[in-house]
Amino acid sequence: MHREQLADFLRRRREAIRPAEVGIADGPRRRTNGLRREEVAMLAGMSVDYVVRLEQGRSSQPSTQLLGALARALRLSDDERDHLFHLAGHQPPPADATARLARAGLVRMLDLLGGTPAMVISDLGEILAQNRMSTLLIGDHTGITGIRRHIVYRWFTEGDALHLPADREAHSRRLVADLRAVAGRRAGDPDVVGLVARLERESADFRRLWAAHEVAVRRADRKTLVHPRVGPIVLDCETLVTPDQRQELLVLTPADAEARERLELLRVLGTQDFNASAVPAERE
């Protein structure tokens, strides 16, 4: 681990980012070049103290999970992310594992979307990155690990309070049809085979729909999400897929004036909560 070089790299990347690039207002009293340490901590989901220790070369070796969070928070390119891993004494993620790190270009697009909920999702339904409005809308899903990181697994084994009960069957069919398409593209892939086998063991609904062998790639959709604070929001879902079809940018836009008003209310409520809350605890 190259502590001094790691500290210098992190500090320079933090100072190079404009707050607006990550959806943070750049107020008149700001004196810091780039982001503040507490803003990096908030974006990466770790304590301010740990960010300070990293930048001062006094930290323990950060984990690969923590490095991935820092890479997303600092909007590092793929080359910069690999350099970060090298400085921290880790090998960069191999090609298969890189598919589970949101592509830098997609993360930048999240920032540009600002007040529109958006997220980066893998082809197997792992939420890799979210902007702030997405987190306010559905919660933070980027830290989920193991088999539960797959949206389709949680849907069939744990349920989902955000969707209307009347929409459950149609949404279940869409999820399974999309997984069928992925299984066709990635035939024999152990991640896909393992996910399907686990779902077949644990969910009768999944077994029934999987046996129907319906195939359809998710592209556009309309859904209603029932938020516990602002009520039902009708959203149009648009998907931008990367050329290799391994990641997609999902954008949720309000379908009508009422939905726009409720999203704006959610944004205001979330801003108030953030101003009143402490930075999350360190995650290593």
Protein backbone atom coordinates (compact mmCIF):
# COMPACT_ATOMS: atom_id res chain seq x y z
CA MET A 1 0.00 0.00 0.00
CA HIS A 2 1.41 3.39 -1.03
CA ARG A 3 -0.10 5.58 1.67
CA GLU A 4 1.40 8.92 0.66
CA GLN A 5 0.56 8.50 -3.02
CA LEU A 6 -2.92 7.25 -2.16
CA ALA A 7 -3.47 10.28 0.10
CA ASP A 8 -2.28 12.68 -2.58
CA PHE A 9 -4.39 11.06 -5.31
CA LEU A 10 -7.57 11.13 -3.22
CA ARG A 11 -7.03 14.72 -2.16
CA ARG A 12 -6.39 15.91 -5.73
CA ARG A 13 -9.38 14.07 -7.14
CA ARG A 14 -11.62 15.52 -4.42
CA GLU A 15 -10.40 19.04 -5.17
CA ALA A 16 -10.93 18.57 -8.91
CA ILE A 17 -14.67 17.86 -8.70
CA ARG A 18 -17.18 20.67 -8.87
CA PRO A 19 -20.05 20.20 -6.39
CA ALA A 20 -22.61 20.56 -9.17
CA GLU A 21 -21.13 17.47 -10.86
CA VAL A 22 -22.40 15.33 -7.98
CA GLY A 23 -25.67 17.15 -7.39
CA ILE A 24 -24.50 19.39 -4.53
CA ALA A 25 -25.38 23.09 -4.54
CA ASP A 26 -22.36 25.39 -4.78
CA GLY A 27 -23.28 28.13 -2.29
CA PRO A 28 -21.70 31.61 -2.04
CA ARG A 29 -19.89 30.77 1.20
CA ARG A 30 -17.98 27.80 -0.20
CA ARG A 31 -14.23 28.30 0.15
CA THR A 32 -13.04 24.76 -0.56
CA ASN A 33 -11.83 23.85 -4.04
CA GLY A 34 -13.92 20.94 -5.19
CA LEU A 35 -15.76 18.83 -2.64
CA ARG A 36 -15.51 19.02 1.12
CA ARG A 37 -14.36 15.92 2.98
CA GLU A 38 -17.77 15.53 4.61
CA GLU A 39 -19.37 15.55 1.16
CA VAL A 40 -17.08 12.76 -0.03
CA ALA A 41 -17.92 10.85 3.15
CA MET A 42 -21.64 11.27 2.52
CA LEU A 43 -21.37 10.16 -1.12
CA ALA A 44 -19.19 7.14 -0.28
CA GLY A 45 -21.10 6.10 2.86
CA MET A 46 -18.20 6.35 5.32
CA SER A 47 -17.18 8.59 8.21
CA VAL A 48 -15.52 11.96 7.76
CA ASP A 49 -12.78 10.83 10.13
CA TYR A 50 -11.86 7.95 7.83
CA VAL A 51 -11.72 10.25 4.80
CA VAL A 52 -9.39 12.57 6.77
CA ARG A 53 -7.15 9.65 7.75
CA LEU A 54 -6.99 8.45 4.13
CA GLU A 55 -5.97 11.91 2.91
CA GLN A 56 -3.37 12.23 5.67
CA GLY A 57 -1.85 8.80 4.99
CA ARG A 58 -2.81 7.49 8.44
CA SER A 59 -5.48 4.93 7.52
CA SER A 60 -5.49 1.17 7.56
CA GLN A 61 -5.64 -0.53 4.18
CA PRO A 62 -9.09 0.19 2.71
CA SER A 63 -11.16 -2.76 1.55
CA THR A 64 -12.07 -3.31 -2.10
CA GLN A 65 -15.70 -2.49 -1.26
CA LEU A 66 -14.66 0.82 0.26
CA LEU A 67 -12.43 1.60 -2.76
CA GLY A 68 -15.36 0.97 -5.07
CA ALA A 69 -17.48 3.39 -3.05
CA LEU A 70 -14.72 6.03 -3.20
CA ALA A 71 -14.34 5.54 -6.95
CA ARG A 72 -18.06 6.19 -7.43
CA ALA A 73 -18.07 9.17 -5.06
CA LEU A 74 -15.09 10.80 -6.80
CA ARG A 75 -16.41 9.96 -10.30
CA LEU A 76 -13.20 8.20 -11.28
CA SER A 77 -12.69 6.94 -14.81
CA ASP A 78 -11.95 3.24 -15.29
CA ASP A 79 -8.20 3.96 -15.50
CA GLU A 80 -8.31 6.16 -12.38
CA ARG A 81 -10.25 3.48 -10.52
CA ASP A 82 -7.62 0.86 -11.39
CA HIS A 83 -4.89 3.26 -10.22
CA LEU A 84 -6.73 3.74 -6.93
CA PHE A 85 -6.80 -0.02 -6.36
CA HIS A 86 -3.07 -0.30 -7.12
CA LEU A 87 -2.17 2.49 -4.69
CA ALA A 88 -4.21 0.81 -1.97
CA GLY A 89 -2.38 -2.50 -2.48
CA HIS A 90 -5.18 -4.35 -4.26
CA GLN A 91 -5.48 -5.76 -7.74
CA PRO A 92 -8.12 -3.96 -9.80
CA PRO A 93 -11.31 -5.96 -10.32
CA PRO A 94 -11.09 -8.50 -13.17
CA ALA A 95 -13.35 -8.16 -16.19
CA ASP A 96 -16.25 -10.12 -14.65
CA ALA A 97 -16.11 -8.20 -11.38
CA THR A 98 -15.80 -4.87 -13.20
CA ALA A 99 -19.32 -5.46 -14.52
CA ARG A 100 -20.43 -4.97 -10.92
CA LEU A 101 -18.86 -1.52 -10.75
CA ALA A 102 -20.91 1.20 -12.40
CA ARG A 103 -19.20 2.57 -15.51
CA ALA A 104 -17.79 6.04 -14.97
CA GLY A 105 -19.72 7.52 -17.88
CA LEU A 106 -23.02 6.24 -16.54
CA VAL A 107 -22.26 7.62 -13.08
CA ARG A 108 -21.62 11.05 -14.59
CA MET A 109 -24.96 10.82 -16.35
CA LEU A 110 -26.60 10.17 -12.97
CA ASP A 111 -25.17 13.47 -11.75
CA LEU A 112 -26.43 15.36 -14.80
CA LEU A 113 -29.96 14.09 -14.25
CA GLY A 114 -30.11 16.00 -10.96
CA GLY A 115 -33.72 16.00 -9.71
CA THR A 116 -34.74 12.97 -11.78
CA PRO A 117 -34.47 9.55 -10.09
CA ALA A 118 -31.97 7.38 -11.93
CA MET A 119 -29.75 4.39 -11.25
CA VAL A 120 -27.18 2.14 -12.90
CA ILE A 121 -28.21 -1.53 -12.92
CA SER A 122 -26.36 -4.64 -14.07
CA ASP A 123 -28.01 -7.02 -16.51
CA LEU A 124 -28.70 -9.33 -13.55
CA GLY A 125 -30.54 -6.62 -11.67
CA GLU A 126 -27.87 -5.41 -9.24
CA ILE A 127 -28.19 -1.70 -8.43
CA LEU A 128 -24.62 -0.45 -8.88
CA ALA A 129 -25.11 3.29 -8.40
CA GLN A 130 -27.94 5.69 -7.60
CA ASN A 131 -28.35 9.42 -7.64
CA ARG A 132 -29.81 11.17 -4.62
CA MET A 133 -33.37 11.31 -5.95
CA SER A 134 -33.32 7.58 -6.61
CA THR A 135 -32.20 6.95 -3.03
CA LEU A 136 -34.96 9.19 -1.70
CA LEU A 137 -37.50 7.34 -3.83
CA ILE A 138 -36.60 3.68 -3.22
CA GLY A 139 -33.86 3.72 -0.56
CA ASP A 140 -30.14 2.96 -0.88
CA HIS A 141 -29.64 -0.45 -2.50
CA THR A 142 -25.96 -0.15 -3.43
CA GLY A 143 -24.64 -1.76 -0.24
CA ILE A 144 -26.63 -5.00 -0.49
CA THR A 145 -24.40 -8.06 -0.85
CA GLY A 146 -24.76 -11.76 -1.58
CA ILE A 147 -27.71 -13.23 -3.44
CA ARG A 148 -29.94 -10.42 -2.12
CA ARG A 149 -28.19 -7.88 -4.34
CA HIS A 150 -30.34 -9.10 -7.24
CA ILE A 151 -33.63 -7.22 -7.53
CA VAL A 152 -35.39 -10.28 -8.95
CA TYR A 153 -34.33 -12.40 -5.96
CA ARG A 154 -35.65 -9.90 -3.42
CA TRP A 155 -38.85 -9.47 -5.40
CA PHE A 156 -39.74 -13.17 -5.32
CA THR A 157 -38.48 -14.01 -1.83
CA GLU A 158 -39.12 -10.86 0.20
CA GLY A 159 -41.86 -8.93 -1.58
CA ASP A 160 -41.92 -5.20 -2.27
CA ALA A 161 -44.01 -2.60 -0.44
CA LEU A 162 -43.45 0.11 -3.08
CA HIS A 163 -45.46 -1.53 -5.87
CA LEU A 164 -49.24 -1.80 -6.01
CA PRO A 165 -50.52 -5.34 -5.33
CA ALA A 166 -52.53 -5.18 -8.57
CA ASP A 167 -49.29 -4.68 -10.53
CA ARG A 168 -47.42 -7.59 -8.97
CA GLU A 169 -48.18 -10.25 -11.58
CA ALA A 170 -47.29 -8.05 -14.55
CA HIS A 171 -44.06 -6.86 -12.91
CA SER A 172 -43.14 -10.44 -11.97
CA ARG A 173 -43.55 -11.53 -15.58
CA ARG A 174 -41.39 -8.66 -16.82
CA LEU A 175 -38.60 -9.51 -14.37
CA VAL A 176 -38.60 -13.20 -15.32
CA ALA A 177 -38.80 -12.50 -19.06
CA ASP A 178 -35.82 -10.16 -18.80
CA LEU A 179 -33.85 -12.76 -16.81
CA ARG A 180 -34.64 -15.29 -19.57
CA ALA A 181 -33.09 -12.93 -22.11
CA VAL A 182 -29.97 -12.55 -19.96
CA ALA A 183 -29.74 -16.33 -19.52
CA GLY A 184 -29.79 -16.70 -23.29
CA ARG A 185 -27.03 -14.15 -23.84
CA ARG A 186 -24.90 -15.55 -21.00
CA ALA A 187 -25.57 -19.25 -21.45
CA GLY A 188 -23.71 -21.34 -18.88
CA ASP A 189 -22.58 -18.31 -16.84
CA PRO A 190 -22.36 -19.54 -13.22
CA ASP A 191 -23.82 -16.29 -11.85
CA VAL A 192 -26.93 -16.68 -13.99
CA VAL A 193 -27.25 -20.43 -13.42
CA GLY A 194 -26.84 -20.00 -9.67
CA LEU A 195 -29.41 -17.20 -9.45
CA VAL A 196 -32.02 -19.15 -11.42
CA ALA A 197 -31.44 -22.33 -9.41
CA ARG A 198 -31.79 -20.46 -6.11
CA LEU A 199 -35.03 -18.82 -7.23
CA GLU A 200 -36.47 -22.11 -8.47
CA ARG A 201 -35.81 -23.64 -5.04
CA GLU A 202 -37.27 -20.78 -3.04
CA SER A 203 -40.21 -19.37 -5.04
CA ALA A 204 -43.18 -21.21 -6.49
CA ASP A 205 -44.20 -18.05 -8.36
CA PHE A 206 -40.81 -17.87 -10.02
CA ARG A 207 -40.93 -21.57 -11.00
CA ARG A 208 -44.34 -21.03 -12.59
CA LEU A 209 -43.24 -18.00 -14.61
CA TRP A 210 -39.85 -19.46 -15.55
CA ALA A 211 -41.56 -22.54 -16.96
CA ALA A 212 -43.62 -20.29 -19.27
CA HIS A 213 -40.34 -19.38 -21.09
CA GLU A 214 -41.37 -15.81 -21.91
CA VAL A 215 -38.51 -13.61 -23.18
CA ALA A 216 -38.48 -9.80 -23.27
CA VAL A 217 -35.70 -7.28 -22.67
CA ARG A 218 -36.77 -4.35 -20.48
CA ARG A 219 -36.69 -1.10 -22.45
CA ALA A 220 -39.59 1.15 -21.45
CA ASP A 221 -42.31 0.78 -18.88
CA ARG A 222 -44.77 2.73 -16.73
CA LYS A 223 -45.19 1.91 -13.06
CA THR A 224 -46.70 3.32 -9.90
CA LEU A 225 -44.53 3.43 -6.79
CA VAL A 226 -46.23 4.07 -3.45
CA HIS A 227 -43.82 6.11 -1.33
CA PRO A 228 -44.52 6.03 2.44
CA ARG A 229 -44.12 9.83 2.76
CA VAL A 230 -45.62 11.32 -0.40
CA GLY A 231 -47.96 8.61 -1.65
CA PRO A 232 -48.31 7.03 -5.13
CA ILE A 233 -46.11 8.37 -7.93
CA VAL A 234 -46.74 7.36 -11.55
CA LEU A 235 -43.40 7.05 -13.35
CA ASP A 236 -42.25 6.37 -16.88
CA CYS A 237 -39.19 4.13 -16.92
CA GLU A 238 -36.69 4.56 -19.74
CA THR A 239 -33.60 2.37 -20.12
CA LEU A 240 -30.29 3.15 -21.82
CA VAL A 241 -28.24 -0.03 -22.33
CA THR A 242 -24.44 -0.16 -22.78
CA PRO A 243 -23.14 -1.77 -26.02
CA ASP A 244 -22.16 -5.01 -24.24
CA GLN A 245 -25.62 -5.15 -22.57
CA ARG A 246 -24.02 -5.70 -19.15
CA GLN A 247 -25.18 -2.41 -17.60
CA GLU A 248 -28.09 -0.06 -18.07
CA LEU A 249 -29.07 3.42 -16.98
CA LEU A 250 -32.65 3.42 -15.68
CA VAL A 251 -34.32 6.84 -15.61
CA LEU A 252 -37.64 7.38 -13.83
CA THR A 253 -39.54 10.43 -15.06
CA PRO A 254 -42.89 11.69 -13.71
CA ALA A 255 -45.78 10.65 -15.95
CA ASP A 256 -48.06 13.58 -15.07
CA ALA A 257 -48.26 16.86 -13.16
CA GLU A 258 -49.22 15.18 -9.90
CA ALA A 259 -46.20 12.89 -10.11
CA ARG A 260 -43.94 15.89 -10.71
CA GLU A 261 -45.34 17.62 -7.64
CA ARG A 262 -44.83 14.56 -5.46
CA LEU A 263 -41.26 14.09 -6.65
CA GLU A 264 -40.54 17.74 -5.88
CA LEU A 265 -42.05 17.32 -2.41
CA LEU A 266 -39.86 14.25 -1.90
CA ARG A 267 -36.79 16.24 -2.97
CA VAL A 268 -37.59 19.02 -0.48
CA LEU A 269 -38.27 16.57 2.36
CA GLY A 270 -35.03 14.75 1.59
CA THR A 271 -33.01 17.96 1.61
CA GLN A 272 -34.44 18.86 5.01
CA ASP A 273 -33.59 15.40 6.36
CA PHE A 274 -30.04 15.61 5.03
CA ASN A 275 -29.41 19.01 6.62
CA ALA A 276 -30.61 17.69 9.98
CA SER A 277 -28.78 14.36 9.94
CA ALA A 278 -25.24 13.25 10.70
CA VAL A 279 -22.89 11.66 8.19
CA PRO A 280 -23.32 7.85 8.06
CA ALA A 281 -20.95 5.67 10.04
CA GLU A 282 -17.72 4.42 8.50
CA ARG A 283 -18.17 1.41 6.24
CA GLU A 284 -15.09 -0.76 5.72
